[in-house]
C-alpha atoms as a PDB file:
ATOM      1  CA  MET A   1      43.615 -10.683  11.344  1.00  0.00           C
ATOM      2  CA  ALA A   2      40.543  -8.587  11.030  1.00  0.00           C
ATOM      3  CA  LEU A   3      40.986  -5.482   8.283  1.00  0.00           C
ATOM      4  CA  SER A   4      40.947  -1.845   9.648  1.00  0.00           C
ATOM      5  CA  VAL A   5      37.494   0.084   8.527  1.00  0.00           C
ATOM      6  CA  GLY A   6      39.788   1.999   5.867  1.00  0.00           C
ATOM      7  CA  LYS A   7      41.034  -1.273   4.314  1.00  0.00           C
ATOM      8  CA  ARG A   8      37.327  -2.885   4.182  1.00  0.00           C
ATOM      9  CA  ILE A   9      35.919   0.120   2.569  1.00  0.00           C
ATOM     10  CA  ARG A  10      38.712   0.065  -0.190  1.00  0.00           C
ATOM     11  CA  ARG A  11      38.170  -3.712  -0.607  1.00  0.00           C
ATOM     12  CA  ASP A  12      34.207  -3.233  -1.072  1.00  0.00           C
ATOM     13  CA  ARG A  13      34.331   0.500  -2.550  1.00  0.00           C
ATOM     14  CA  MET A  14      31.820  -0.935  -5.220  1.00  0.00           C
ATOM     15  CA  LEU A  15      29.100  -1.800  -2.953  1.00  0.00           C
ATOM     16  CA  TYR A  16      29.576   1.503  -1.480  1.00  0.00           C
ATOM     17  CA  LEU A  17      29.292   3.399  -4.348  1.00  0.00           C
ATOM     18  CA  MET A  18      26.420   1.133  -5.338  1.00  0.00           C
ATOM     19  CA  PHE A  19      24.849   2.000  -2.118  1.00  0.00           C
ATOM     20  CA  LEU A  20      25.641   5.877  -2.605  1.00  0.00           C
ATOM     21  CA  LEU A  21      22.926   6.477  -4.933  1.00  0.00           C
ATOM     22  CA  PRO A  22      19.980   5.194  -2.554  1.00  0.00           C
ATOM     23  CA  ALA A  23      21.331   6.885   0.180  1.00  0.00           C
ATOM     24  CA  LEU A  24      21.296  10.399  -1.150  1.00  0.00           C
ATOM     25  CA  TYR A  25      17.776   9.805  -2.504  1.00  0.00           C
ATOM     26  CA  PHE A  26      16.396   8.845   1.209  1.00  0.00           C
ATOM     27  CA  ILE A  27      18.604  11.580   2.658  1.00  0.00           C
ATOM     28  CA  ILE A  28      17.254  14.263   0.338  1.00  0.00           C
ATOM     29  CA  PHE A  29      13.775  13.436  -0.090  1.00  0.00           C
ATOM     30  CA  HIS A  30      12.792  11.572   2.859  1.00  0.00           C
ATOM     31  CA  TYR A  31      15.222  12.635   6.043  1.00  0.00           C
ATOM     32  CA  ILE A  32      15.754  16.301   5.107  1.00  0.00           C
ATOM     33  CA  PRO A  33      12.195  17.004   4.667  1.00  0.00           C
ATOM     34  CA  ILE A  34      11.356  15.838   8.195  1.00  0.00           C
ATOM     35  CA  TRP A  35      12.830  18.993   9.527  1.00  0.00           C
ATOM     36  CA  GLY A  36       9.742  20.861   8.105  1.00  0.00           C
ATOM     37  CA  ALA A  37       7.288  18.866  10.301  1.00  0.00           C
ATOM     38  CA  ARG A  38       7.814  21.636  12.787  1.00  0.00           C
ATOM     39  CA  LEU A  39       5.428  23.819  10.848  1.00  0.00           C
ATOM     40  CA  ALA A  40       2.609  21.891  12.680  1.00  0.00           C
ATOM     41  CA  PHE A  41       3.743  23.354  15.418  1.00  0.00           C
ATOM     42  CA  GLN A  42       3.886  27.044  13.808  1.00  0.00           C
ATOM     43  CA  GLU A  43       1.374  29.453  12.412  1.00  0.00           C
ATOM     44  CA  PHE A  44       3.093  29.943   8.734  1.00  0.00           C
ATOM     45  CA  ASN A  45       3.891  33.319   7.703  1.00  0.00           C
ATOM     46  CA  PHE A  46       4.413  34.199   4.074  1.00  0.00           C
ATOM     47  CA  PHE A  47       6.450  37.385   4.841  1.00  0.00           C
ATOM     48  CA  GLY A  48       8.195  37.003   8.157  1.00  0.00           C
ATOM     49  CA  ALA A  49       9.014  34.673  10.588  1.00  0.00           C
ATOM     50  CA  ASN A  50       6.873  31.966  11.408  1.00  0.00           C
ATOM     51  CA  ARG A  51       5.435  32.229  15.455  1.00  0.00           C
ATOM     52  CA  TRP A  52       5.053  28.986  17.376  1.00  0.00           C
ATOM     53  CA  VAL A  53       1.770  28.301  18.327  1.00  0.00           C
ATOM     54  CA  ARG A  54       2.036  24.567  19.910  1.00  0.00           C
ATOM     55  CA  LEU A  55      -0.648  22.719  19.823  1.00  0.00           C
ATOM     56  CA  GLU A  56      -2.885  24.872  18.374  1.00  0.00           C
ATOM     57  CA  ASN A  57      -3.083  23.324  14.681  1.00  0.00           C
ATOM     58  CA  PHE A  58      -4.051  20.088  16.358  1.00  0.00           C
ATOM     59  CA  ARG A  59      -6.618  21.531  18.098  1.00  0.00           C
ATOM     60  CA  ILE A  60      -8.406  23.137  15.267  1.00  0.00           C
ATOM     61  CA  LEU A  61      -7.915  19.757  13.114  1.00  0.00           C
ATOM     62  CA  PHE A  62      -9.025  17.392  15.984  1.00  0.00           C
ATOM     63  CA  SER A  63     -12.300  19.964  16.509  1.00  0.00           C
ATOM     64  CA  SER A  64     -13.103  20.069  12.812  1.00  0.00           C
ATOM     65  CA  PRO A  65     -15.840  17.604  11.390  1.00  0.00           C
ATOM     66  CA  VAL A  66     -14.558  17.291   8.252  1.00  0.00           C
ATOM     67  CA  PHE A  67     -11.289  15.720   9.801  1.00  0.00           C
ATOM     68  CA  GLY A  68     -13.359  13.579  11.634  1.00  0.00           C
ATOM     69  CA  ARG A  69     -14.998  12.567   8.449  1.00  0.00           C
ATOM     70  CA  VAL A  70     -11.951  12.075   6.376  1.00  0.00           C
ATOM     71  CA  PHE A  71      -9.919  10.105   9.407  1.00  0.00           C
ATOM     72  CA  LEU A  72     -13.311   7.846   9.619  1.00  0.00           C
ATOM     73  CA  ASN A  73     -12.846   7.517   5.506  1.00  0.00           C
ATOM     74  CA  THR A  74      -9.383   6.701   5.763  1.00  0.00           C
ATOM     75  CA  VAL A  75      -9.711   3.830   8.143  1.00  0.00           C
ATOM     76  CA  ILE A  76     -12.679   2.117   6.426  1.00  0.00           C
ATOM     77  CA  ILE A  77     -11.015   1.885   3.002  1.00  0.00           C
ATOM     78  CA  SER A  78      -7.651   1.226   4.188  1.00  0.00           C
ATOM     79  CA  PHE A  79      -9.030  -1.540   6.278  1.00  0.00           C
ATOM     80  CA  MET A  80     -11.021  -3.048   3.569  1.00  0.00           C
ATOM     81  CA  LYS A  81      -8.062  -2.453   1.064  1.00  0.00           C
ATOM     82  CA  LEU A  82      -5.959  -4.654   3.869  1.00  0.00           C
ATOM     83  CA  ILE A  83      -8.497  -7.438   4.087  1.00  0.00           C
ATOM     84  CA  PHE A  84      -8.947  -7.842   0.607  1.00  0.00           C
ATOM     85  CA  ASN A  85      -5.061  -7.174  -1.042  1.00  0.00           C
ATOM     86  CA  PHE A  86      -2.567  -8.303   1.544  1.00  0.00           C
ATOM     87  CA  PRO A  87      -3.931 -12.307   0.934  1.00  0.00           C
ATOM     88  CA  ALA A  88      -4.643 -11.620  -3.010  1.00  0.00           C
ATOM     89  CA  PRO A  89      -1.069 -11.841  -3.983  1.00  0.00           C
ATOM     90  CA  ILE A  90      -0.398 -15.002  -1.563  1.00  0.00           C
ATOM     91  CA  ILE A  91      -2.973 -16.687  -3.210  1.00  0.00           C
ATOM     92  CA  LEU A  92      -2.017 -15.512  -6.766  1.00  0.00           C
ATOM     93  CA  ALA A  93       1.834 -16.668  -6.290  1.00  0.00           C
ATOM     94  CA  LEU A  94       0.432 -20.434  -5.001  1.00  0.00           C
ATOM     95  CA  LEU A  95      -1.642 -20.271  -8.422  1.00  0.00           C
ATOM     96  CA  LEU A  96       1.386 -19.126 -10.368  1.00  0.00           C
ATOM     97  CA  LEU A  97       3.351 -21.854  -8.959  1.00  0.00           C
ATOM     98  CA  GLU A  98       0.818 -24.579  -9.900  1.00  0.00           C
ATOM     99  CA  ILE A  99       1.320 -23.756 -13.903  1.00  0.00           C
ATOM    100  CA  ARG A 100       3.442 -26.306 -15.051  1.00  0.00           C
ATOM    101  CA  ASN A 101       4.215 -25.100 -18.389  1.00  0.00           C
ATOM    102  CA  GLY A 102       7.099 -22.738 -17.440  1.00  0.00           C
ATOM    103  CA  ARG A 103       6.596 -20.654 -20.896  1.00  0.00           C
ATOM    104  CA  PHE A 104       2.391 -20.277 -20.503  1.00  0.00           C
ATOM    105  CA  ARG A 105       3.647 -19.540 -16.601  1.00  0.00           C
ATOM    106  CA  LYS A 106       6.153 -16.866 -17.816  1.00  0.00           C
ATOM    107  CA  ILE A 107       3.067 -15.048 -20.163  1.00  0.00           C
ATOM    108  CA  VAL A 108       0.714 -15.174 -17.316  1.00  0.00           C
ATOM    109  CA  GLN A 109       3.444 -13.702 -14.714  1.00  0.00           C
ATOM    110  CA  SER A 110       4.018 -10.748 -17.570  1.00  0.00           C
ATOM    111  CA  LEU A 111       0.492  -9.987 -17.753  1.00  0.00           C
ATOM    112  CA  VAL A 112      -0.069  -9.611 -13.930  1.00  0.00           C
ATOM    113  CA  TYR A 113       2.641  -7.669 -13.773  1.00  0.00           C
ATOM    114  CA  LEU A 114       1.942  -5.192 -16.151  1.00  0.00           C
ATOM    115  CA  PRO A 115      -0.788  -2.954 -14.470  1.00  0.00           C
ATOM    116  CA  HIS A 116       2.012  -2.053 -11.915  1.00  0.00           C
ATOM    117  CA  PHE A 117       3.860   0.131 -14.808  1.00  0.00           C
ATOM    118  CA  LEU A 118       0.327   1.982 -15.217  1.00  0.00           C
ATOM    119  CA  SER A 119      -0.154   5.334 -13.653  1.00  0.00           C
ATOM    120  CA  TRP A 120      -3.185   5.998 -11.598  1.00  0.00           C
ATOM    121  CA  VAL A 121      -4.266   8.627 -14.488  1.00  0.00           C
ATOM    122  CA  VAL A 122      -4.263   5.594 -16.846  1.00  0.00           C
ATOM    123  CA  ILE A 123      -6.015   3.181 -14.532  1.00  0.00           C
ATOM    124  CA  ALA A 124      -8.664   5.646 -13.371  1.00  0.00           C
ATOM    125  CA  GLY A 125      -9.165   6.347 -17.193  1.00  0.00           C
ATOM    126  CA  ILE A 126      -9.503   2.536 -18.029  1.00  0.00           C
ATOM    127  CA  PHE A 127     -12.000   2.147 -14.764  1.00  0.00           C
ATOM    128  CA  ILE A 128     -13.958   5.263 -15.581  1.00  0.00           C
ATOM    129  CA  SER A 129     -14.782   3.883 -19.380  1.00  0.00           C
ATOM    130  CA  MET A 130     -15.276   0.137 -18.264  1.00  0.00           C
ATOM    131  CA  LEU A 131     -17.786   1.289 -15.270  1.00  0.00           C
ATOM    132  CA  SER A 132     -19.548   4.389 -16.963  1.00  0.00           C
ATOM    133  CA  LEU A 133     -23.267   4.470 -16.464  1.00  0.00           C
ATOM    134  CA  LYS A 134     -24.290   4.694 -20.101  1.00  0.00           C
ATOM    135  CA  ASP A 135     -21.757   2.701 -22.253  1.00  0.00           C
ATOM    136  CA  GLY A 136     -19.243   0.902 -20.057  1.00  0.00           C
ATOM    137  CA  LEU A 137     -18.637  -2.597 -20.750  1.00  0.00           C
ATOM    138  CA  VAL A 138     -19.867  -3.994 -17.118  1.00  0.00           C
ATOM    139  CA  ASN A 139     -23.274  -2.278 -17.591  1.00  0.00           C
ATOM    140  CA  GLN A 140     -23.542  -3.476 -20.973  1.00  0.00           C
ATOM    141  CA  LEU A 141     -22.669  -6.937 -19.723  1.00  0.00           C
ATOM    142  CA  LEU A 142     -25.094  -6.484 -16.570  1.00  0.00           C
ATOM    143  CA  GLU A 143     -28.005  -5.488 -19.257  1.00  0.00           C
ATOM    144  CA  ARG A 144     -27.238  -8.568 -21.327  1.00  0.00           C
ATOM    145  CA  PHE A 145     -28.296 -10.533 -18.189  1.00  0.00           C
ATOM    146  CA  GLY A 146     -31.321  -8.719 -17.318  1.00  0.00           C
ATOM    147  CA  VAL A 147     -29.515  -6.663 -14.660  1.00  0.00           C
ATOM    148  CA  ALA A 148     -30.172  -3.326 -14.406  1.00  0.00           C
ATOM    149  CA  PRO A 149     -27.093  -0.652 -14.522  1.00  0.00           C
ATOM    150  CA  VAL A 150     -24.889   0.319 -11.895  1.00  0.00           C
ATOM    151  CA  ALA A 151     -23.938   3.772 -11.058  1.00  0.00           C
ATOM    152  CA  PHE A 152     -20.665   2.429  -9.623  1.00  0.00           C
ATOM    153  CA  LEU A 153     -18.404   5.732  -9.759  1.00  0.00           C
ATOM    154  CA  THR A 154     -20.953   8.074  -8.019  1.00  0.00           C
ATOM    155  CA  SER A 155     -22.912   5.391  -5.818  1.00  0.00           C
ATOM    156  CA  HIS A 156     -21.949   5.407  -2.079  1.00  0.00           C
ATOM    157  CA  ARG A 157     -22.338   1.910  -1.689  1.00  0.00           C
ATOM    158  CA  HIS A 158     -19.968   0.776  -4.826  1.00  0.00           C
ATOM    159  CA  ILE A 159     -17.028   3.553  -5.060  1.00  0.00           C
ATOM    160  CA  ARG A 160     -15.352   1.912  -2.210  1.00  0.00           C
ATOM    161  CA  TRP A 161     -15.487  -1.346  -3.879  1.00  0.00           C
ATOM    162  CA  VAL A 162     -14.205   0.247  -6.822  1.00  0.00           C
ATOM    163  CA  LEU A 163     -11.059   1.726  -4.792  1.00  0.00           C
ATOM    164  CA  VAL A 164     -10.415  -1.704  -3.348  1.00  0.00           C
ATOM    165  CA  PHE A 165     -10.735  -3.419  -6.374  1.00  0.00           C
ATOM    166  CA  SER A 166      -8.790  -1.176  -8.868  1.00  0.00           C
ATOM    167  CA  GLU A 167      -6.039  -1.356  -6.350  1.00  0.00           C
ATOM    168  CA  MET A 168      -6.006  -5.285  -6.067  1.00  0.00           C
ATOM    169  CA  TRP A 169      -5.785  -5.244 -10.112  1.00  0.00           C
ATOM    170  CA  ARG A 170      -2.654  -2.860  -9.950  1.00  0.00           C
ATOM    171  CA  SER A 171      -0.867  -4.512  -7.259  1.00  0.00           C
ATOM    172  CA  VAL A 172      -1.485  -7.909  -6.936  1.00  0.00           C
ATOM    173  CA  GLY A 173       0.880  -9.084  -9.467  1.00  0.00           C
ATOM    174  CA  TRP A 174       3.684  -7.345  -8.469  1.00  0.00           C
ATOM    175  CA  ASP A 175       3.064  -8.196  -5.121  1.00  0.00           C
ATOM    176  CA  SER A 176       3.097 -11.679  -5.576  1.00  0.00           C
ATOM    177  CA  ILE A 177       6.847 -11.778  -6.787  1.00  0.00           C
ATOM    178  CA  LEU A 178       8.225 -11.470  -3.203  1.00  0.00           C
ATOM    179  CA  TYR A 179       5.828 -14.396  -2.162  1.00  0.00           C
ATOM    180  CA  VAL A 180       6.920 -16.322  -5.547  1.00  0.00           C
ATOM    181  CA  ALA A 181      10.400 -16.084  -4.656  1.00  0.00           C
ATOM    182  CA  ALA A 182      10.038 -17.199  -1.107  1.00  0.00           C
ATOM    183  CA  ILE A 183       7.666 -20.267  -2.416  1.00  0.00           C
ATOM    184  CA  LEU A 184      11.052 -21.117  -4.622  1.00  0.00           C
ATOM    185  CA  GLU A 185      13.410 -21.178  -2.092  1.00  0.00           C
ATOM    186  CA  ILE A 186      12.052 -24.189  -0.719  1.00  0.00           C
ATOM    187  CA  PRO A 187      13.693 -27.045  -0.852  1.00  0.00           C
ATOM    188  CA  GLU A 188      12.228 -29.456  -3.044  1.00  0.00           C
ATOM    189  CA  GLU A 189      13.097 -32.552  -0.869  1.00  0.00           C
ATOM    190  CA  LEU A 190      10.355 -31.358   1.346  1.00  0.00           C
ATOM    191  CA  TYR A 191       7.620 -31.842  -1.109  1.00  0.00           C
ATOM    192  CA  ASP A 192       9.191 -35.004  -2.547  1.00  0.00           C
ATOM    193  CA  ALA A 193       9.160 -36.831   1.270  1.00  0.00           C
ATOM    194  CA  ALA A 194       5.505 -35.101   1.377  1.00  0.00           C
ATOM    195  CA  ALA A 195       4.365 -36.948  -1.360  1.00  0.00           C
ATOM    196  CA  ILE A 196       6.201 -40.128  -0.396  1.00  0.00           C
ATOM    197  CA  ASP A 197       3.912 -39.984   2.854  1.00  0.00           C
ATOM    198  CA  GLY A 198       0.881 -39.434   0.360  1.00  0.00           C
ATOM    199  CA  CYS A 199       0.285 -35.891   0.931  1.00  0.00           C
ATOM    200  CA  GLY A 200      -1.849 -34.065  -1.671  1.00  0.00           C
ATOM    201  CA  ARG A 201      -1.234 -30.711  -3.458  1.00  0.00           C
ATOM    202  CA  PHE A 202      -3.380 -28.770  -0.701  1.00  0.00           C
ATOM    203  CA  GLN A 203      -1.630 -30.866   1.911  1.00  0.00           C
ATOM    204  CA  LYS A 204       1.743 -29.712   0.719  1.00  0.00           C
ATOM    205  CA  MET A 205       0.468 -25.970   0.505  1.00  0.00           C
ATOM    206  CA  THR A 206      -0.912 -26.142   4.452  1.00  0.00           C
ATOM    207  CA  LYS A 207       1.780 -28.178   5.806  1.00  0.00           C
ATOM    208  CA  ILE A 208       4.973 -26.842   3.968  1.00  0.00           C
ATOM    209  CA  THR A 209       4.327 -24.001   1.605  1.00  0.00           C
ATOM    210  CA  LEU A 210       2.316 -21.732   4.041  1.00  0.00           C
ATOM    211  CA  PRO A 211       4.649 -22.495   7.109  1.00  0.00           C
ATOM    212  CA  ALA A 212       7.688 -21.628   4.950  1.00  0.00           C
ATOM    213  CA  ILE A 213       6.706 -18.146   3.787  1.00  0.00           C
ATOM    214  CA  PHE A 214       5.191 -17.173   7.111  1.00  0.00           C
ATOM    215  CA  PRO A 215       7.870 -15.004   8.123  1.00  0.00           C
ATOM    216  CA  THR A 216       7.866 -13.446   5.104  1.00  0.00           C
ATOM    217  CA  MET A 217       3.956 -13.176   5.187  1.00  0.00           C
ATOM    218  CA  ILE A 218       4.153 -11.339   8.722  1.00  0.00           C
ATOM    219  CA  THR A 219       7.197  -8.930   7.567  1.00  0.00           C
ATOM    220  CA  VAL A 220       4.930  -7.707   4.502  1.00  0.00           C
ATOM    221  CA  PHE A 221       1.793  -7.653   6.538  1.00  0.00           C
ATOM    222  CA  ILE A 222       3.393  -5.273   9.265  1.00  0.00           C
ATOM    223  CA  LEU A 223       5.044  -3.084   6.569  1.00  0.00           C
ATOM    224  CA  ASN A 224       1.510  -2.814   5.272  1.00  0.00           C
ATOM    225  CA  LEU A 225      -0.052  -1.832   8.426  1.00  0.00           C
ATOM    226  CA  GLY A 226       2.961   0.877   8.126  1.00  0.00           C
ATOM    227  CA  PHE A 227       1.377   2.473   4.999  1.00  0.00           C
ATOM    228  CA  PHE A 228      -2.164   1.918   6.458  1.00  0.00           C
ATOM    229  CA  MET A 229      -3.205   5.363   6.804  1.00  0.00           C
ATOM    230  CA  ASN A 230      -2.093   5.787   2.980  1.00  0.00           C
ATOM    231  CA  ALA A 231      -5.392   5.051   1.661  1.00  0.00           C
ATOM    232  CA  GLY A 232      -3.921   6.177  -1.909  1.00  0.00           C
ATOM    233  CA  PHE A 233      -3.895   9.834  -2.752  1.00  0.00           C
ATOM    234  CA  ASP A 234      -3.297   9.558  -6.241  1.00  0.00           C
ATOM    235  CA  GLN A 235      -6.098   6.829  -7.023  1.00  0.00           C
ATOM    236  CA  VAL A 236      -8.677   8.346  -4.990  1.00  0.00           C
ATOM    237  CA  PHE A 237      -7.795  11.914  -6.452  1.00  0.00           C
ATOM    238  CA  ASN A 238      -8.552  10.666  -9.777  1.00  0.00           C
ATOM    239  CA  LEU A 239     -11.755   8.649  -9.163  1.00  0.00           C
ATOM    240  CA  MET A 240     -13.101  10.909  -6.859  1.00  0.00           C
ATOM    241  CA  ASN A 241     -16.236  13.158  -7.886  1.00  0.00           C
ATOM    242  CA  ASP A 242     -18.581  15.591  -5.932  1.00  0.00           C
ATOM    243  CA  SER A 243     -20.942  12.738  -5.561  1.00  0.00           C
ATOM    244  CA  VAL A 244     -18.794  10.350  -3.515  1.00  0.00           C
ATOM    245  CA  ILE A 245     -16.808  12.900  -1.976  1.00  0.00           C
ATOM    246  CA  SER A 246     -18.215  12.420   1.458  1.00  0.00           C
ATOM    247  CA  VAL A 247     -17.356   8.657   1.301  1.00  0.00           C
ATOM    248  CA  VAL A 248     -13.790   8.698  -0.338  1.00  0.00           C
ATOM    249  CA  ASP A 249     -12.501  12.051   0.964  1.00  0.00           C
ATOM    250  CA  ILE A 250      -9.059  10.963   2.608  1.00  0.00           C
ATOM    251  CA  ILE A 251      -6.529  12.426   4.969  1.00  0.00           C
ATOM    252  CA  ASP A 252      -4.098  12.765   1.759  1.00  0.00           C
ATOM    253  CA  THR A 253      -7.029  14.339   0.079  1.00  0.00           C
ATOM    254  CA  TYR A 254      -7.957  16.688   2.714  1.00  0.00           C
ATOM    255  CA  VAL A 255      -4.021  17.681   3.243  1.00  0.00           C
ATOM    256  CA  TYR A 256      -3.934  18.501  -0.382  1.00  0.00           C
ATOM    257  CA  ARG A 257      -7.150  20.733  -0.407  1.00  0.00           C
ATOM    258  CA  VAL A 258      -6.481  22.508   2.933  1.00  0.00           C
ATOM    259  CA  GLY A 259      -2.801  22.727   2.530  1.00  0.00           C
ATOM    260  CA  LEU A 260      -1.936  23.327  -1.397  1.00  0.00           C
ATOM    261  CA  ILE A 261      -5.225  24.727  -2.264  1.00  0.00           C
ATOM    262  CA  GLN A 262      -6.436  26.858   0.608  1.00  0.00           C
ATOM    263  CA  GLY A 263      -2.895  27.703   1.470  1.00  0.00           C
ATOM    264  CA  GLU A 264      -3.248  26.756   5.129  1.00  0.00           C
ATOM    265  CA  PHE A 265      -0.088  24.983   5.185  1.00  0.00           C
ATOM    266  CA  SER A 266       0.472  24.719   9.013  1.00  0.00           C
ATOM    267  CA  LEU A 267      -3.136  22.726   9.273  1.00  0.00           C
ATOM    268  CA  GLY A 268      -1.924  20.372   6.368  1.00  0.00           C
ATOM    269  CA  THR A 269       1.343  19.816   7.847  1.00  0.00           C
ATOM    270  CA  ALA A 270      -0.492  18.700  11.344  1.00  0.00           C
ATOM    271  CA  ALA A 271      -2.744  16.414   9.348  1.00  0.00           C
ATOM    272  CA  GLY A 272       0.522  14.767   7.560  1.00  0.00           C
ATOM    273  CA  LEU A 273       2.676  14.518  11.079  1.00  0.00           C
ATOM    274  CA  PHE A 274      -0.572  12.907  12.752  1.00  0.00           C
ATOM    275  CA  LYS A 275      -0.906  10.427   9.845  1.00  0.00           C
ATOM    276  CA  GLY A 276       2.837   9.226  10.292  1.00  0.00           C
ATOM    277  CA  VAL A 277       2.920   9.318  14.141  1.00  0.00           C
ATOM    278  CA  ILE A 278      -0.316   7.026  13.539  1.00  0.00           C
ATOM    279  CA  GLY A 279       1.687   4.791  10.679  1.00  0.00           C
ATOM    280  CA  LEU A 280       4.698   4.519  13.154  1.00  0.00           C
ATOM    281  CA  ALA A 281       2.581   3.639  16.367  1.00  0.00           C
ATOM    282  CA  LEU A 282       0.872   0.885  13.876  1.00  0.00           C
ATOM    283  CA  ILE A 283       4.241  -0.878  12.843  1.00  0.00           C
ATOM    284  CA  TYR A 284       5.958  -1.018  16.171  1.00  0.00           C
ATOM    285  CA  GLY A 285       2.637  -2.281  17.971  1.00  0.00           C
ATOM    286  CA  THR A 286       2.145  -4.816  15.406  1.00  0.00           C
ATOM    287  CA  HIS A 287       5.920  -6.094  15.714  1.00  0.00           C
ATOM    288  CA  ARG A 288       5.607  -6.163  19.223  1.00  0.00           C
ATOM    289  CA  THR A 289       2.332  -8.106  18.925  1.00  0.00           C
ATOM    290  CA  SER A 290       3.869 -10.683  16.607  1.00  0.00           C
ATOM    291  CA  LYS A 291       7.164 -11.117  18.336  1.00  0.00           C
ATOM    292  CA  LYS A 292       5.297 -12.107  21.163  1.00  0.00           C
ATOM    293  CA  LEU A 293       2.737 -14.178  19.419  1.00  0.00           C
ATOM    294  CA  THR A 294       4.754 -15.962  16.766  1.00  0.00           C
ATOM    295  CA  GLY A 295       8.400 -15.078  17.362  1.00  0.00           C
ATOM    296  CA  GLU A 296       8.502 -13.302  14.105  1.00  0.00           C
ATOM    297  CA  GLY A 297       8.929  -9.455  13.456  1.00  0.00           C
ATOM    298  CA  LEU A 298      11.028  -6.732  11.805  1.00  0.00           C
ATOM    299  CA  TRP A 299      13.945  -6.955  13.868  1.00  0.00           C
END
């Protein structure tokens, strides 16, 4: 006999209590602020009612050459991060599980997970110190090998790669946890049968491991595309300087500068809403495409 709703709630009350705090977090900090998005269609007034201007803020936004530049920078930096940082945790997970010594594997995992818990202020300080033109460790090593010092942090050619590599250094270990868990769920009997058939490690990886974790890879890829327009405010803000602002200024730093520094709250909200709509479209479009091509998607 099916239980009534009230009885199910009483039976599973501890689960509902555990769910309460995360639900409140999303309601307070994610859903309620959505109401503020209406400011993108208004002219903000400190001392009176806001005036509805419909799409005027978006017209100003899209006609600005500065926004065109920051949009292009956001797309380029996010694309570079996606191309290089998406496969990195998969490769790391495969390598970690090739370590046969369990104690040594745990030590390595702890070391690669550690950067995730450092703030971008700390990480920026580390990279600025290491990549300094005069006394940075990297340039000292280059000089030892007869290579001229490189201005990594002030060079238009190199600064985007600094962003990509520093993001990879911080996130690759933590992001690999999901893939390690997915690989450990693969039945060991499959590997034993493959070994009997004469498969080596590489064949086991390509024929068993990667196909088994493919649904996980698709899900993570779609979610990453949802954050495609988030090129990393904290990272860029702490590593950006006047010499390279033209190539690393992104939508988030533009919103910060226009909305909070210059007080153009309506224009900043319009830029943020535009970024959110692009992210939603990317998630839905990628999900539909993946569903048609592979049968795997978010739902």
